[in-house]
Amino acid sequence: MSNLDDSIGKILLELQKDDPETFAKLMKKAQEENPELFEAVDEENKEIDEYNKKVEEYNKTVDEE
Protein backbone atom coordinates (compact mmCIF):
# COMPACT_ATOMS: atom_id res chain seq x y z
CA MET A 1 0.00 0.00 0.00
CA SER A 2 2.93 2.33 0.58
CA ASN A 3 3.80 2.45 -3.12
CA LEU A 4 0.19 3.32 -3.91
CA ASP A 5 0.23 6.07 -1.28
CA ASP A 6 3.48 7.43 -2.72
CA SER A 7 2.06 7.36 -6.25
CA ILE A 8 -1.12 9.14 -5.20
CA GLY A 9 0.93 11.72 -3.32
CA LYS A 10 3.08 12.41 -6.37
CA ILE A 11 0.00 12.74 -8.58
CA LEU A 12 -1.58 15.18 -6.14
CA LEU A 13 1.59 17.27 -5.95
CA GLU A 14 1.76 17.46 -9.75
CA LEU A 15 -1.93 18.39 -9.92
CA GLN A 16 -1.44 21.07 -7.29
CA LYS A 17 1.38 22.57 -9.34
CA ASP A 18 -0.16 22.15 -12.80
CA ASP A 19 -3.84 22.84 -12.04
CA PRO A 20 -4.32 24.44 -8.62
CA GLU A 21 -8.02 25.11 -9.20
CA THR A 22 -8.81 21.46 -9.86
CA PHE A 23 -6.61 20.46 -6.93
CA ALA A 24 -8.51 22.82 -4.62
CA LYS A 25 -11.86 21.41 -5.80
CA LEU A 26 -10.64 17.86 -5.32
CA MET A 27 -9.36 18.57 -1.82
CA LYS A 28 -12.58 20.37 -0.87
CA LYS A 29 -14.64 17.38 -2.00
CA ALA A 30 -12.33 14.99 -0.14
CA GLN A 31 -12.68 17.09 3.00
CA GLU A 32 -16.47 17.14 2.71
CA GLU A 33 -16.64 13.37 2.23
CA ASN A 34 -13.94 12.45 4.79
CA PRO A 35 -13.58 15.28 7.33
CA GLU A 36 -11.82 13.00 9.79
CA LEU A 37 -8.81 12.88 7.46
CA PHE A 38 -8.38 16.64 7.80
CA GLU A 39 -8.93 17.10 11.53
CA ALA A 40 -5.22 16.77 12.27
CA VAL A 41 -4.31 19.91 10.30
CA ASP A 42 -2.37 22.02 12.76
CA GLU A 43 -1.99 25.77 13.00
CA GLU A 44 1.37 25.75 11.21
CA ASN A 45 -0.18 24.22 8.11
CA LYS A 46 -2.92 26.84 8.16
CA GLU A 47 -0.29 29.59 8.31
CA ILE A 48 1.59 28.03 5.40
CA ASP A 49 -1.63 27.86 3.36
CA GLU A 50 -2.37 31.53 4.08
CA TYR A 51 1.17 32.49 3.08
CA ASN A 52 0.90 30.49 -0.15
CA LYS A 53 -2.38 32.24 -1.00
CA LYS A 54 -0.74 35.63 -0.48
CA VAL A 55 2.15 34.58 -2.74
CA GLU A 56 -0.29 33.40 -5.41
CA GLU A 57 -2.22 36.69 -5.22
CA TYR A 58 1.01 38.66 -5.48
CA ASN A 59 2.16 36.58 -8.46
CA LYS A 60 -1.16 37.22 -10.21
CA THR A 61 -0.77 40.98 -9.76
CA VAL A 62 2.78 40.85 -11.11
CA ASP A 63 1.64 38.78 -14.10
CA GLU A 64 -1.14 41.26 -14.85
CA GLU A 65 1.27 44.21 -15.00
C-alpha atoms as a PDB file:
ATOM      1  CA  MET A   1       0.000   0.000   0.000  1.00  0.00           C
ATOM      2  CA  SER A   2       2.933   2.331   0.584  1.00  0.00           C
ATOM      3  CA  ASN A   3       3.798   2.446  -3.119  1.00  0.00           C
ATOM      4  CA  LEU A   4       0.194   3.318  -3.908  1.00  0.00           C
ATOM      5  CA  ASP A   5       0.230   6.073  -1.277  1.00  0.00           C
ATOM      6  CA  ASP A   6       3.476   7.435  -2.723  1.00  0.00           C
ATOM      7  CA  SER A   7       2.061   7.362  -6.250  1.00  0.00           C
ATOM      8  CA  ILE A   8      -1.122   9.143  -5.196  1.00  0.00           C
ATOM      9  CA  GLY A   9       0.931  11.717  -3.317  1.00  0.00           C
ATOM     10  CA  LYS A  10       3.076  12.411  -6.374  1.00  0.00           C
ATOM     11  CA  ILE A  11       0.005  12.739  -8.582  1.00  0.00           C
ATOM     12  CA  LEU A  12      -1.578  15.184  -6.139  1.00  0.00           C
ATOM     13  CA  LEU A  13       1.594  17.269  -5.954  1.00  0.00           C
ATOM     14  CA  GLU A  14       1.756  17.457  -9.745  1.00  0.00           C
ATOM     15  CA  LEU A  15      -1.930  18.387  -9.920  1.00  0.00           C
ATOM     16  CA  GLN A  16      -1.443  21.066  -7.286  1.00  0.00           C
ATOM     17  CA  LYS A  17       1.380  22.565  -9.336  1.00  0.00           C
ATOM     18  CA  ASP A  18      -0.160  22.152 -12.795  1.00  0.00           C
ATOM     19  CA  ASP A  19      -3.837  22.836 -12.042  1.00  0.00           C
ATOM     20  CA  PRO A  20      -4.317  24.441  -8.623  1.00  0.00           C
ATOM     21  CA  GLU A  21      -8.024  25.107  -9.203  1.00  0.00           C
ATOM     22  CA  THR A  22      -8.813  21.456  -9.856  1.00  0.00           C
ATOM     23  CA  PHE A  23      -6.613  20.458  -6.925  1.00  0.00           C
ATOM     24  CA  ALA A  24      -8.512  22.817  -4.620  1.00  0.00           C
ATOM     25  CA  LYS A  25     -11.860  21.414  -5.798  1.00  0.00           C
ATOM     26  CA  LEU A  26     -10.645  17.857  -5.317  1.00  0.00           C
ATOM     27  CA  MET A  27      -9.355  18.567  -1.821  1.00  0.00           C
ATOM     28  CA  LYS A  28     -12.575  20.370  -0.870  1.00  0.00           C
ATOM     29  CA  LYS A  29     -14.636  17.379  -2.001  1.00  0.00           C
ATOM     30  CA  ALA A  30     -12.332  14.987  -0.141  1.00  0.00           C
ATOM     31  CA  GLN A  31     -12.675  17.091   3.001  1.00  0.00           C
ATOM     32  CA  GLU A  32     -16.468  17.137   2.711  1.00  0.00           C
ATOM     33  CA  GLU A  33     -16.635  13.374   2.228  1.00  0.00           C
ATOM     34  CA  ASN A  34     -13.944  12.452   4.789  1.00  0.00           C
ATOM     35  CA  PRO A  35     -13.583  15.277   7.331  1.00  0.00           C
ATOM     36  CA  GLU A  36     -11.822  13.001   9.793  1.00  0.00           C
ATOM     37  CA  LEU A  37      -8.809  12.884   7.456  1.00  0.00           C
ATOM     38  CA  PHE A  38      -8.375  16.635   7.798  1.00  0.00           C
ATOM     39  CA  GLU A  39      -8.935  17.098  11.530  1.00  0.00           C
ATOM     40  CA  ALA A  40      -5.224  16.774  12.272  1.00  0.00           C
ATOM     41  CA  VAL A  41      -4.305  19.908  10.300  1.00  0.00           C
ATOM     42  CA  ASP A  42      -2.370  22.017  12.758  1.00  0.00           C
ATOM     43  CA  GLU A  43      -1.990  25.767  13.001  1.00  0.00           C
ATOM     44  CA  GLU A  44       1.374  25.750  11.209  1.00  0.00           C
ATOM     45  CA  ASN A  45      -0.181  24.215   8.111  1.00  0.00           C
ATOM     46  CA  LYS A  46      -2.922  26.845   8.162  1.00  0.00           C
ATOM     47  CA  GLU A  47      -0.288  29.590   8.314  1.00  0.00           C
ATOM     48  CA  ILE A  48       1.587  28.030   5.396  1.00  0.00           C
ATOM     49  CA  ASP A  49      -1.633  27.861   3.364  1.00  0.00           C
ATOM     50  CA  GLU A  50      -2.366  31.528   4.080  1.00  0.00           C
ATOM     51  CA  TYR A  51       1.167  32.491   3.085  1.00  0.00           C
ATOM     52  CA  ASN A  52       0.901  30.492  -0.151  1.00  0.00           C
ATOM     53  CA  LYS A  53      -2.379  32.237  -0.999  1.00  0.00           C
ATOM     54  CA  LYS A  54      -0.739  35.625  -0.479  1.00  0.00           C
ATOM     55  CA  VAL A  55       2.153  34.583  -2.737  1.00  0.00           C
ATOM     56  CA  GLU A  56      -0.291  33.404  -5.415  1.00  0.00           C
ATOM     57  CA  GLU A  57      -2.215  36.688  -5.223  1.00  0.00           C
ATOM     58  CA  TYR A  58       1.011  38.661  -5.481  1.00  0.00           C
ATOM     59  CA  ASN A  59       2.159  36.581  -8.455  1.00  0.00           C
ATOM     60  CA  LYS A  60      -1.163  37.220 -10.212  1.00  0.00           C
ATOM     61  CA  THR A  61      -0.771  40.979  -9.756  1.00  0.00           C
ATOM     62  CA  VAL A  62       2.778  40.847 -11.109  1.00  0.00           C
ATOM     63  CA  ASP A  63       1.642  38.776 -14.101  1.00  0.00           C
ATOM     64  CA  GLU A  64      -1.138  41.264 -14.845  1.00  0.00           C
ATOM     65  CA  GLU A  65       1.274  44.211 -14.997  1.00  0.00           C
END
